[in-house]
Amino acid sequence: MSDDKIVEVYSADDLMDAEHIQRVLAEEGVTAKVVGASLHSISGKLPVQLATPRLWVHEEDFVRGRQIIELAKQKQRERSQTRSSWKCVSCGEENGADFEICWSCQKLDETQD
């Protein structure tokens, strides 16, 4: 992704969140770049909004990217309210209800919609 005419589309809670949203965008054909992934180690010395990973997209993908992100976050909230924790069939790790991808091996929970 070239750095000209890119804009911030999302400020993630952590690197896992950023990478998840990056994959969601990619599945919809939107290329996103994670910026600030390694800044968490100096988070006490920077404003919090600068020390968290952020996703940047081409300016022309901003509106569509925001729509994709909002829909993904809404689906994630709905899933976490209706499902329980689950055990990964690949590695056997226990995952919380709000995880749709195993935190340990990054395999998708294929038992859920």
Protein backbone atom coordinates (compact mmCIF):
# COMPACT_ATOMS: atom_id res chain seq x y z
CA MET A 1 0.00 0.00 0.00
CA SER A 2 1.50 3.30 -0.99
CA ASP A 3 1.39 5.95 1.73
CA ASP A 4 -0.04 8.72 -0.44
CA LYS A 5 -3.69 9.63 0.13
CA ILE A 6 -4.33 7.22 2.98
CA VAL A 7 -6.48 8.03 6.00
CA GLU A 8 -7.10 6.49 9.40
CA VAL A 9 -10.24 4.39 9.38
CA TYR A 10 -10.03 2.62 12.75
CA SER A 11 -8.24 2.83 16.09
CA ALA A 12 -7.92 -0.67 17.56
CA ASP A 13 -7.89 -1.74 21.18
CA ASP A 14 -4.81 -3.89 20.61
CA LEU A 15 -2.84 -5.63 17.85
CA MET A 16 -5.17 -8.65 17.77
CA ASP A 17 -8.16 -6.36 17.19
CA ALA A 18 -6.26 -4.46 14.47
CA GLU A 19 -5.26 -7.64 12.65
CA HIS A 20 -8.80 -9.02 12.88
CA ILE A 21 -10.32 -5.89 11.39
CA GLN A 22 -7.59 -5.82 8.74
CA ARG A 23 -8.63 -9.38 7.71
CA VAL A 24 -12.32 -8.41 7.71
CA LEU A 25 -11.57 -5.48 5.41
CA ALA A 26 -9.38 -7.63 3.15
CA GLU A 27 -12.21 -10.17 2.78
CA GLU A 28 -14.33 -7.30 1.43
CA GLY A 29 -11.60 -6.12 -0.95
CA VAL A 30 -10.35 -3.16 1.12
CA THR A 31 -6.59 -3.00 1.69
CA ALA A 32 -5.65 -1.66 5.12
CA LYS A 33 -2.29 -0.95 6.71
CA VAL A 34 -1.71 -1.42 10.45
CA VAL A 35 0.17 1.57 11.86
CA GLY A 36 1.62 1.80 15.35
CA ALA A 37 1.60 -1.92 16.12
CA SER A 38 4.83 -1.72 18.11
CA LEU A 39 4.07 1.47 20.04
CA HIS A 40 2.34 -0.31 22.95
CA SER A 41 5.72 -0.66 24.68
CA ILE A 42 5.95 3.12 25.09
CA SER A 43 2.26 3.75 25.69
CA GLY A 44 2.89 5.58 28.97
CA LYS A 45 4.96 8.17 27.14
CA LEU A 46 2.49 8.87 24.33
CA PRO A 47 -1.16 9.90 24.28
CA VAL A 48 -3.27 6.72 24.27
CA GLN A 49 -4.72 7.48 20.83
CA LEU A 50 -1.19 7.41 19.39
CA ALA A 51 0.01 4.32 21.26
CA THR A 52 -2.66 1.93 19.97
CA PRO A 53 -2.61 0.21 16.57
CA ARG A 54 -4.58 2.03 13.91
CA LEU A 55 -5.77 0.99 10.47
CA TRP A 56 -5.27 3.22 7.48
CA VAL A 57 -6.94 2.80 4.08
CA HIS A 58 -6.88 4.59 0.75
CA GLU A 59 -8.95 7.73 0.98
CA GLU A 60 -11.49 6.43 -1.55
CA ASP A 61 -12.08 3.33 0.64
CA PHE A 62 -12.77 5.28 3.85
CA VAL A 63 -16.60 5.34 3.78
CA ARG A 64 -16.90 1.71 2.67
CA GLY A 65 -14.24 0.69 5.22
CA ARG A 66 -16.13 2.37 8.07
CA GLN A 67 -19.34 0.63 7.01
CA ILE A 68 -17.60 -2.77 6.92
CA ILE A 69 -16.03 -2.16 10.34
CA GLU A 70 -19.30 -1.02 11.92
CA LEU A 71 -21.12 -4.08 10.59
CA ALA A 72 -18.34 -6.41 11.81
CA LYS A 73 -18.37 -4.81 15.28
CA GLN A 74 -22.17 -5.03 15.46
CA LYS A 75 -22.06 -8.74 14.52
CA GLN A 76 -19.33 -9.30 17.11
CA ARG A 77 -21.44 -7.65 19.85
CA GLU A 78 -24.50 -9.73 18.89
CA ARG A 79 -22.48 -12.97 18.87
CA SER A 80 -20.94 -12.27 22.26
CA GLN A 81 -24.42 -11.77 23.75
CA THR A 82 -25.83 -15.03 22.38
CA ARG A 83 -22.97 -17.52 22.53
CA SER A 84 -20.84 -19.05 25.22
CA SER A 85 -17.14 -19.74 25.46
CA TRP A 86 -15.82 -22.41 23.10
CA LYS A 87 -13.00 -24.88 22.80
CA CYS A 88 -10.83 -24.73 19.67
CA VAL A 89 -11.05 -27.96 17.68
CA SER A 90 -7.55 -27.36 16.33
CA CYS A 91 -5.49 -26.74 19.49
CA GLY A 92 -7.95 -27.41 22.33
CA GLU A 93 -7.61 -23.92 23.83
CA GLU A 94 -10.57 -22.41 25.69
CA ASN A 95 -11.76 -19.12 24.11
CA GLY A 96 -14.14 -16.48 25.40
CA ALA A 97 -17.54 -15.91 23.83
CA ASP A 98 -16.43 -12.72 22.10
CA PHE A 99 -13.62 -14.53 20.24
CA GLU A 100 -14.53 -15.93 16.86
CA ILE A 101 -10.89 -16.75 16.15
CA CYS A 102 -8.84 -18.81 18.59
CA TRP A 103 -6.47 -16.52 20.47
CA SER A 104 -3.85 -19.28 20.59
CA CYS A 105 -3.69 -20.69 17.05
CA GLN A 106 -5.81 -18.15 15.11
CA LYS A 107 -8.20 -20.79 13.74
CA LEU A 108 -11.76 -19.69 13.07
CA ASP A 109 -14.51 -21.17 15.25
CA GLU A 110 -16.35 -23.04 12.53
CA THR A 111 -19.06 -24.31 14.88
CA GLN A 112 -20.75 -20.88 14.93
CA ASP A 113 -22.52 -18.98 12.13
